[in-house]
PDB file of all heavy atoms in Angstrom:
ATOM      1  N   SER A   1      73.902 -46.282  -8.242  1.00  0.00           N
ATOM      2  CA  SER A   1      74.199 -45.548  -7.063  1.00  0.00           C
ATOM      3  C   SER A   1      75.277 -44.502  -7.257  1.00  0.00           C
ATOM      4  O   SER A   1      76.278 -44.758  -7.942  1.00  0.00           O
ATOM      5  CB  SER A   1      74.623 -46.511  -5.976  1.00  0.00           C
ATOM      6  OG  SER A   1      75.096 -45.824  -4.800  1.00  0.00           O
ATOM      7  N   THR A   2      75.119 -43.313  -6.644  1.00  0.00           N
ATOM      8  CA  THR A   2      76.140 -42.317  -6.655  1.00  0.00           C
ATOM      9  C   THR A   2      76.447 -41.853  -5.245  1.00  0.00           C
ATOM     10  O   THR A   2      76.858 -40.726  -4.995  1.00  0.00           O
ATOM     11  CB  THR A   2      75.710 -41.063  -7.519  1.00  0.00           C
ATOM     12  OG1 THR A   2      74.524 -40.542  -6.991  1.00  0.00           O
ATOM     13  CG2 THR A   2      75.518 -41.469  -8.949  1.00  0.00           C
ATOM     14  N   GLU A   3      76.251 -42.756  -4.283  1.00  0.00           N
ATOM     15  CA  GLU A   3      76.444 -42.424  -2.865  1.00  0.00           C
ATOM     16  C   GLU A   3      77.948 -42.287  -2.584  1.00  0.00           C
ATOM     17  O   GLU A   3      78.761 -42.254  -3.479  1.00  0.00           O
ATOM     18  CB  GLU A   3      75.791 -43.482  -1.978  1.00  0.00           C
ATOM     19  CG  GLU A   3      76.416 -44.862  -2.133  1.00  0.00           C
ATOM     20  CD  GLU A   3      75.662 -45.921  -1.317  1.00  0.00           C
ATOM     21  OE1 GLU A   3      74.563 -45.673  -0.826  1.00  0.00           O
ATOM     22  OE2 GLU A   3      76.237 -47.011  -1.168  1.00  0.00           O
ATOM     23  N   TRP A   4      78.244 -42.131  -1.330  1.00  0.00           N
ATOM     24  CA  TRP A   4      79.619 -41.870  -0.840  1.00  0.00           C
ATOM     25  C   TRP A   4      80.638 -42.769  -1.574  1.00  0.00           C
ATOM     26  O   TRP A   4      80.453 -43.981  -1.693  1.00  0.00           O
ATOM     27  CB  TRP A   4      79.654 -42.158   0.632  1.00  0.00           C
ATOM     28  CG  TRP A   4      80.795 -41.494   1.355  1.00  0.00           C
ATOM     29  CD1 TRP A   4      81.484 -40.389   0.976  1.00  0.00           C
ATOM     30  CD2 TRP A   4      81.348 -41.926   2.581  1.00  0.00           C
ATOM     31  NE1 TRP A   4      82.461 -40.106   1.921  1.00  0.00           N
ATOM     32  CE2 TRP A   4      82.404 -41.011   2.941  1.00  0.00           C
ATOM     33  CE3 TRP A   4      81.085 -42.946   3.483  1.00  0.00           C
ATOM     34  CZ2 TRP A   4      83.178 -41.108   4.063  1.00  0.00           C
ATOM     35  CZ3 TRP A   4      81.881 -43.057   4.623  1.00  0.00           C
ATOM     36  CH2 TRP A   4      82.893 -42.181   4.932  1.00  0.00           C
ATOM     37  N   TYR A   5      81.668 -42.157  -2.125  1.00  0.00           N
ATOM     38  CA  TYR A   5      82.778 -42.791  -2.868  1.00  0.00           C
ATOM     39  C   TYR A   5      82.348 -43.310  -4.222  1.00  0.00           C
ATOM     40  O   TYR A   5      83.093 -44.034  -4.850  1.00  0.00           O
ATOM     41  CB  TYR A   5      83.358 -43.959  -2.038  1.00  0.00           C
ATOM     42  CG  TYR A   5      84.115 -43.522  -0.804  1.00  0.00           C
ATOM     43  CD1 TYR A   5      83.966 -44.217   0.424  1.00  0.00           C
ATOM     44  CD2 TYR A   5      84.989 -42.422  -0.807  1.00  0.00           C
ATOM     45  CE1 TYR A   5      84.666 -43.819   1.557  1.00  0.00           C
ATOM     46  CE2 TYR A   5      85.658 -42.027   0.314  1.00  0.00           C
ATOM     47  CZ  TYR A   5      85.532 -42.745   1.472  1.00  0.00           C
ATOM     48  OH  TYR A   5      86.211 -42.350   2.630  1.00  0.00           O
ATOM     49  N   LYS A   6      81.178 -42.919  -4.698  1.00  0.00           N
ATOM     50  CA  LYS A   6      80.736 -43.365  -6.018  1.00  0.00           C
ATOM     51  C   LYS A   6      80.390 -42.209  -6.930  1.00  0.00           C
ATOM     52  O   LYS A   6      79.885 -42.419  -8.045  1.00  0.00           O
ATOM     53  CB  LYS A   6      79.522 -44.311  -5.858  1.00  0.00           C
ATOM     54  CG  LYS A   6      79.817 -45.593  -5.116  1.00  0.00           C
ATOM     55  CD  LYS A   6      78.541 -46.440  -4.979  1.00  0.00           C
ATOM     56  CE  LYS A   6      78.784 -47.666  -4.169  1.00  0.00           C
ATOM     57  NZ  LYS A   6      77.527 -48.496  -4.046  1.00  0.00           N
ATOM     58  N   GLY A   7      80.575 -40.961  -6.477  1.00  0.00           N
ATOM     59  CA  GLY A   7      80.189 -39.819  -7.276  1.00  0.00           C
ATOM     60  C   GLY A   7      81.336 -39.335  -8.121  1.00  0.00           C
ATOM     61  O   GLY A   7      82.321 -40.017  -8.414  1.00  0.00           O
ATOM     62  N   LEU A   8      81.284 -38.022  -8.494  1.00  0.00           N
ATOM     63  CA  LEU A   8      82.315 -37.417  -9.290  1.00  0.00           C
ATOM     64  C   LEU A   8      83.079 -36.319  -8.587  1.00  0.00           C
ATOM     65  O   LEU A   8      83.760 -35.495  -9.199  1.00  0.00           O
ATOM     66  CB  LEU A   8      81.621 -36.781 -10.577  1.00  0.00           C
ATOM     67  CG  LEU A   8      81.156 -37.845 -11.587  1.00  0.00           C
ATOM     68  CD1 LEU A   8      80.263 -37.149 -12.630  1.00  0.00           C
ATOM     69  CD2 LEU A   8      82.333 -38.513 -12.258  1.00  0.00           C
ATOM     70  N   THR A   9      82.982 -36.310  -7.246  1.00  0.00           N
ATOM     71  CA  THR A   9      83.754 -35.344  -6.448  1.00  0.00           C
ATOM     72  C   THR A   9      85.064 -36.065  -5.966  1.00  0.00           C
ATOM     73  O   THR A   9      84.955 -37.106  -5.300  1.00  0.00           O
ATOM     74  CB  THR A   9      82.970 -34.900  -5.266  1.00  0.00           C
ATOM     75  OG1 THR A   9      81.789 -34.204  -5.739  1.00  0.00           O
ATOM     76  CG2 THR A   9      83.785 -33.859  -4.448  1.00  0.00           C
ATOM     77  N   ILE A  10      86.168 -35.492  -6.292  1.00  0.00           N
ATOM     78  CA  ILE A  10      87.444 -36.079  -5.918  1.00  0.00           C
ATOM     79  C   ILE A  10      88.044 -35.298  -4.752  1.00  0.00           C
ATOM     80  O   ILE A  10      88.261 -34.076  -4.862  1.00  0.00           O
ATOM     81  CB  ILE A  10      88.434 -36.066  -7.115  1.00  0.00           C
ATOM     82  CG1 ILE A  10      87.903 -36.903  -8.229  1.00  0.00           C
ATOM     83  CG2 ILE A  10      89.840 -36.458  -6.693  1.00  0.00           C
ATOM     84  CD1 ILE A  10      88.761 -36.911  -9.497  1.00  0.00           C
ATOM     85  N   TRP A  11      88.264 -35.957  -3.640  1.00  0.00           N
ATOM     86  CA  TRP A  11      88.775 -35.310  -2.454  1.00  0.00           C
ATOM     87  C   TRP A  11      90.287 -35.095  -2.555  1.00  0.00           C
ATOM     88  O   TRP A  11      91.068 -35.708  -1.830  1.00  0.00           O
ATOM     89  CB  TRP A  11      88.435 -36.123  -1.188  1.00  0.00           C
ATOM     90  CG  TRP A  11      86.981 -36.016  -0.874  1.00  0.00           C
ATOM     91  CD1 TRP A  11      86.016 -35.321  -1.513  1.00  0.00           C
ATOM     92  CD2 TRP A  11      86.321 -36.704   0.207  1.00  0.00           C
ATOM     93  NE1 TRP A  11      84.791 -35.524  -0.928  1.00  0.00           N
ATOM     94  CE2 TRP A  11      84.935 -36.360   0.139  1.00  0.00           C
ATOM     95  CE3 TRP A  11      86.734 -37.567   1.201  1.00  0.00           C
ATOM     96  CZ2 TRP A  11      84.006 -36.837   0.992  1.00  0.00           C
ATOM     97  CZ3 TRP A  11      85.772 -38.065   2.100  1.00  0.00           C
ATOM     98  CH2 TRP A  11      84.451 -37.689   2.010  1.00  0.00           C
ATOM     99  N   SER A  12      90.698 -34.219  -3.488  1.00  0.00           N
ATOM    100  CA  SER A  12      92.084 -33.978  -3.723  1.00  0.00           C
ATOM    101  C   SER A  12      92.155 -32.653  -4.550  1.00  0.00           C
ATOM    102  O   SER A  12      91.159 -32.280  -5.185  1.00  0.00           O
ATOM    103  CB  SER A  12      92.623 -35.103  -4.591  1.00  0.00           C
ATOM    104  OG  SER A  12      93.995 -35.092  -4.700  1.00  0.00           O
ATOM    105  N   PRO A  13      93.242 -31.906  -4.433  1.00  0.00           N
ATOM    106  CA  PRO A  13      94.518 -32.242  -3.861  1.00  0.00           C
ATOM    107  C   PRO A  13      94.643 -31.844  -2.409  1.00  0.00           C
ATOM    108  O   PRO A  13      93.973 -30.993  -1.870  1.00  0.00           O
ATOM    109  CB  PRO A  13      95.480 -31.393  -4.705  1.00  0.00           C
ATOM    110  CG  PRO A  13      94.654 -30.139  -4.996  1.00  0.00           C
ATOM    111  CD  PRO A  13      93.268 -30.640  -5.203  1.00  0.00           C
ATOM    112  N   ASN A  14      95.588 -32.517  -1.719  1.00  0.00           N
ATOM    113  CA  ASN A  14      95.960 -32.149  -0.341  1.00  0.00           C
ATOM    114  C   ASN A  14      97.025 -31.046  -0.476  1.00  0.00           C
ATOM    115  O   ASN A  14      98.188 -31.362  -0.842  1.00  0.00           O
ATOM    116  CB  ASN A  14      96.521 -33.362   0.397  1.00  0.00           C
ATOM    117  CG  ASN A  14      96.823 -33.065   1.867  1.00  0.00           C
ATOM    118  OD1 ASN A  14      97.017 -31.884   2.238  1.00  0.00           O
ATOM    119  ND2 ASN A  14      96.918 -34.057   2.666  1.00  0.00           N
ATOM    120  N   ILE A  15      96.615 -29.824  -0.203  1.00  0.00           N
ATOM    121  CA  ILE A  15      97.576 -28.717  -0.367  1.00  0.00           C
ATOM    122  C   ILE A  15      97.972 -28.081   0.967  1.00  0.00           C
ATOM    123  O   ILE A  15      98.355 -26.965   1.031  1.00  0.00           O
ATOM    124  CB  ILE A  15      96.968 -27.633  -1.275  1.00  0.00           C
ATOM    125  CG1 ILE A  15      95.575 -27.176  -0.790  1.00  0.00           C
ATOM    126  CG2 ILE A  15      96.889 -28.110  -2.711  1.00  0.00           C
ATOM    127  CD1 ILE A  15      94.982 -25.985  -1.622  1.00  0.00           C
ATOM    128  N   ASN A  16      97.857 -28.899   2.059  1.00  0.00           N
ATOM    129  CA  ASN A  16      98.385 -28.394   3.323  1.00  0.00           C
ATOM    130  C   ASN A  16      99.915 -28.268   3.225  1.00  0.00           C
ATOM    131  O   ASN A  16     100.557 -28.986   2.516  1.00  0.00           O
ATOM    132  CB  ASN A  16      98.003 -29.373   4.459  1.00  0.00           C
ATOM    133  CG  ASN A  16      96.521 -29.402   4.711  1.00  0.00           C
ATOM    134  OD1 ASN A  16      95.895 -30.473   4.733  1.00  0.00           O
ATOM    135  ND2 ASN A  16      95.923 -28.238   4.877  1.00  0.00           N
ATOM    136  N   ILE A  17     100.431 -27.330   3.985  1.00  0.00           N
ATOM    137  CA  ILE A  17     101.848 -27.052   3.977  1.00  0.00           C
ATOM    138  C   ILE A  17     102.549 -28.025   4.968  1.00  0.00           C
ATOM    139  O   ILE A  17     102.182 -28.083   6.138  1.00  0.00           O
ATOM    140  CB  ILE A  17     102.158 -25.592   4.369  1.00  0.00           C
ATOM    141  CG1 ILE A  17     101.470 -24.667   3.365  1.00  0.00           C
ATOM    142  CG2 ILE A  17     103.627 -25.347   4.478  1.00  0.00           C
ATOM    143  CD1 ILE A  17     101.884 -24.839   1.939  1.00  0.00           C
ATOM    144  N   PHE A  18     103.556 -28.727   4.476  1.00  0.00           N
ATOM    145  CA  PHE A  18     104.216 -29.753   5.242  1.00  0.00           C
ATOM    146  C   PHE A  18     105.530 -29.219   5.845  1.00  0.00           C
ATOM    147  O   PHE A  18     106.525 -29.239   5.175  1.00  0.00           O
ATOM    148  CB  PHE A  18     104.479 -30.983   4.377  1.00  0.00           C
ATOM    149  CG  PHE A  18     105.116 -32.135   5.069  1.00  0.00           C
ATOM    150  CD1 PHE A  18     104.607 -32.621   6.281  1.00  0.00           C
ATOM    151  CD2 PHE A  18     106.219 -32.761   4.549  1.00  0.00           C
ATOM    152  CE1 PHE A  18     105.165 -33.687   6.928  1.00  0.00           C
ATOM    153  CE2 PHE A  18     106.820 -33.842   5.197  1.00  0.00           C
ATOM    154  CZ  PHE A  18     106.292 -34.320   6.394  1.00  0.00           C
ATOM    155  N   ARG A  19     105.468 -28.791   7.095  1.00  0.00           N
ATOM    156  CA  ARG A  19     106.671 -28.280   7.730  1.00  0.00           C
ATOM    157  C   ARG A  19     107.059 -29.024   9.013  1.00  0.00           C
ATOM    158  O   ARG A  19     108.080 -28.701   9.613  1.00  0.00           O
ATOM    159  CB  ARG A  19     106.485 -26.778   8.056  1.00  0.00           C
ATOM    160  CG  ARG A  19     106.504 -25.962   6.773  1.00  0.00           C
ATOM    161  CD  ARG A  19     106.459 -24.492   7.029  1.00  0.00           C
ATOM    162  NE  ARG A  19     106.714 -23.736   5.815  1.00  0.00           N
ATOM    163  CZ  ARG A  19     106.586 -22.421   5.680  1.00  0.00           C
ATOM    164  NH1 ARG A  19     106.217 -21.722   6.724  1.00  0.00           N
ATOM    165  NH2 ARG A  19     106.862 -21.830   4.531  1.00  0.00           N
ATOM    166  N   ASP A  20     106.259 -29.964   9.430  1.00  0.00           N
ATOM    167  CA  ASP A  20     106.506 -30.724  10.625  1.00  0.00           C
ATOM    168  C   ASP A  20     106.583 -32.179  10.266  1.00  0.00           C
ATOM    169  O   ASP A  20     105.530 -32.792   9.938  1.00  0.00           O
ATOM    170  CB  ASP A  20     105.456 -30.436  11.644  1.00  0.00           C
ATOM    171  CG  ASP A  20     105.754 -31.085  13.054  1.00  0.00           C
ATOM    172  OD1 ASP A  20     106.576 -32.013  13.077  1.00  0.00           O
ATOM    173  OD2 ASP A  20     105.129 -30.640  14.018  1.00  0.00           O
ATOM    174  N   PRO A  21     107.785 -32.798  10.290  1.00  0.00           N
ATOM    175  CA  PRO A  21     107.916 -34.203   9.891  1.00  0.00           C
ATOM    176  C   PRO A  21     107.145 -35.197  10.813  1.00  0.00           C
ATOM    177  O   PRO A  21     106.979 -36.348  10.432  1.00  0.00           O
ATOM    178  CB  PRO A  21     109.428 -34.455   9.956  1.00  0.00           C
ATOM    179  CG  PRO A  21     109.924 -33.441  10.896  1.00  0.00           C
ATOM    180  CD  PRO A  21     109.058 -32.224  10.707  1.00  0.00           C
ATOM    181  N   ARG A  22     106.647 -34.695  11.928  1.00  0.00           N
ATOM    182  CA  ARG A  22     105.892 -35.606  12.844  1.00  0.00           C
ATOM    183  C   ARG A  22     104.445 -35.805  12.340  1.00  0.00           C
ATOM    184  O   ARG A  22     103.786 -36.693  12.790  1.00  0.00           O
ATOM    185  CB  ARG A  22     105.857 -35.004  14.239  1.00  0.00           C
ATOM    186  CG  ARG A  22     107.202 -34.959  14.909  1.00  0.00           C
ATOM    187  CD  ARG A  22     107.141 -34.162  16.198  1.00  0.00           C
ATOM    188  NE  ARG A  22     106.802 -32.771  15.950  1.00  0.00           N
ATOM    189  CZ  ARG A  22     106.639 -31.862  16.910  1.00  0.00           C
ATOM    190  NH1 ARG A  22     106.831 -32.201  18.200  1.00  0.00           N
ATOM    191  NH2 ARG A  22     106.314 -30.608  16.597  1.00  0.00           N
ATOM    192  N   TRP A  23     104.040 -34.977  11.369  1.00  0.00           N
ATOM    193  CA  TRP A  23     102.687 -35.175  10.799  1.00  0.00           C
ATOM    194  C   TRP A  23     102.780 -36.441   9.908  1.00  0.00           C
ATOM    195  O   TRP A  23     103.617 -36.584   9.076  1.00  0.00           O
ATOM    196  CB  TRP A  23     102.301 -33.963   9.943  1.00  0.00           C
ATOM    197  CG  TRP A  23     100.903 -34.009   9.408  1.00  0.00           C
ATOM    198  CD1 TRP A  23      99.821 -34.659   9.992  1.00  0.00           C
ATOM    199  CD2 TRP A  23     100.468 -33.482   8.189  1.00  0.00           C
ATOM    200  NE1 TRP A  23      98.700 -34.484   9.210  1.00  0.00           N
ATOM    201  CE2 TRP A  23      99.066 -33.789   8.053  1.00  0.00           C
ATOM    202  CE3 TRP A  23     101.069 -32.743   7.139  1.00  0.00           C
ATOM    203  CZ2 TRP A  23      98.315 -33.369   6.984  1.00  0.00           C
ATOM    204  CZ3 TRP A  23     100.277 -32.358   6.080  1.00  0.00           C
ATOM    205  CH2 TRP A  23      98.922 -32.657   6.023  1.00  0.00           C
ATOM    206  N   GLY A  24     101.773 -37.302  10.104  1.00  0.00           N
ATOM    207  CA  GLY A  24     101.847 -38.617   9.442  1.00  0.00           C
ATOM    208  C   GLY A  24     101.429 -38.619   7.987  1.00  0.00           C
ATOM    209  O   GLY A  24     101.453 -39.658   7.357  1.00  0.00           O
ATOM    210  N   ARG A  25     101.021 -37.431   7.432  1.00  0.00           N
ATOM    211  CA  ARG A  25     100.497 -37.478   6.071  1.00  0.00           C
ATOM    212  C   ARG A  25     101.251 -36.545   5.128  1.00  0.00           C
ATOM    213  O   ARG A  25     100.720 -36.135   4.117  1.00  0.00           O
ATOM    214  CB  ARG A  25      99.000 -37.122   6.089  1.00  0.00           C
ATOM    215  CG  ARG A  25      98.175 -38.154   6.858  1.00  0.00           C
ATOM    216  CD  ARG A  25      96.752 -37.744   7.013  1.00  0.00           C
ATOM    217  NE  ARG A  25      96.054 -37.654   5.745  1.00  0.00           N
ATOM    218  CZ  ARG A  25      94.740 -37.358   5.626  1.00  0.00           C
ATOM    219  NH1 ARG A  25      94.042 -37.083   6.702  1.00  0.00           N
ATOM    220  NH2 ARG A  25      94.177 -37.278   4.483  1.00  0.00           N
ATOM    221  N   GLY A  26     102.499 -36.246   5.445  1.00  0.00           N
ATOM    222  CA  GLY A  26     103.258 -35.374   4.623  1.00  0.00           C
ATOM    223  C   GLY A  26     103.444 -35.906   3.194  1.00  0.00           C
ATOM    224  O   GLY A  26     103.582 -35.087   2.239  1.00  0.00           O
ATOM    225  N   GLN A  27     103.460 -37.221   3.003  1.00  0.00           N
ATOM    226  CA  GLN A  27     103.617 -37.786   1.678  1.00  0.00           C
ATOM    227  C   GLN A  27     102.490 -37.446   0.726  1.00  0.00           C
ATOM    228  O   GLN A  27     102.624 -37.547  -0.523  1.00  0.00           O
ATOM    229  CB  GLN A  27     103.830 -39.311   1.771  1.00  0.00           C
ATOM    230  CG  GLN A  27     102.542 -40.076   2.017  1.00  0.00           C
ATOM    231  CD  GLN A  27     102.136 -40.120   3.458  1.00  0.00           C
ATOM    232  OE1 GLN A  27     102.760 -39.481   4.312  1.00  0.00           O
ATOM    233  NE2 GLN A  27     101.124 -40.931   3.811  1.00  0.00           N
ATOM    234  N   GLU A  28     101.346 -36.975   1.266  1.00  0.00           N
ATOM    235  CA  GLU A  28     100.204 -36.623   0.392  1.00  0.00           C
ATOM    236  C   GLU A  28     100.355 -35.197  -0.169  1.00  0.00           C
ATOM    237  O   GLU A  28      99.639 -34.842  -1.090  1.00  0.00           O
ATOM    238  CB  GLU A  28      98.922 -36.666   1.213  1.00  0.00           C
ATOM    239  CG  GLU A  28      98.519 -38.004   1.749  1.00  0.00           C
ATOM    240  CD  GLU A  28      97.191 -37.920   2.530  1.00  0.00           C
ATOM    241  OE1 GLU A  28      96.392 -37.012   2.280  1.00  0.00           O
ATOM    242  OE2 GLU A  28      96.983 -38.772   3.388  1.00  0.00           O
ATOM    243  N   THR A  29     101.216 -34.420   0.397  1.00  0.00           N
ATOM    244  CA  THR A  29     101.270 -32.974   0.085  1.00  0.00           C
ATOM    245  C   THR A  29     102.368 -32.691  -0.938  1.00  0.00           C
ATOM    246  O   THR A  29     103.122 -33.567  -1.352  1.00  0.00           O
ATOM    247  CB  THR A  29     101.530 -32.171   1.345  1.00  0.00           C
ATOM    248  OG1 THR A  29     102.921 -32.269   1.692  1.00  0.00           O
ATOM    249  CG2 THR A  29     100.696 -32.614   2.506  1.00  0.00           C
TER     250      THR A  29
END
C-alpha cells in the first residue's frame, strides 16, 4: 500500500511566518 501517510510525499517544511504568539503551531516554523 502507498495510500495516505504511506507514500513518498513529505508534508514539510512549515514555512509560515510566525508573528502572532497566539497561533498554536509556531513551534513548527
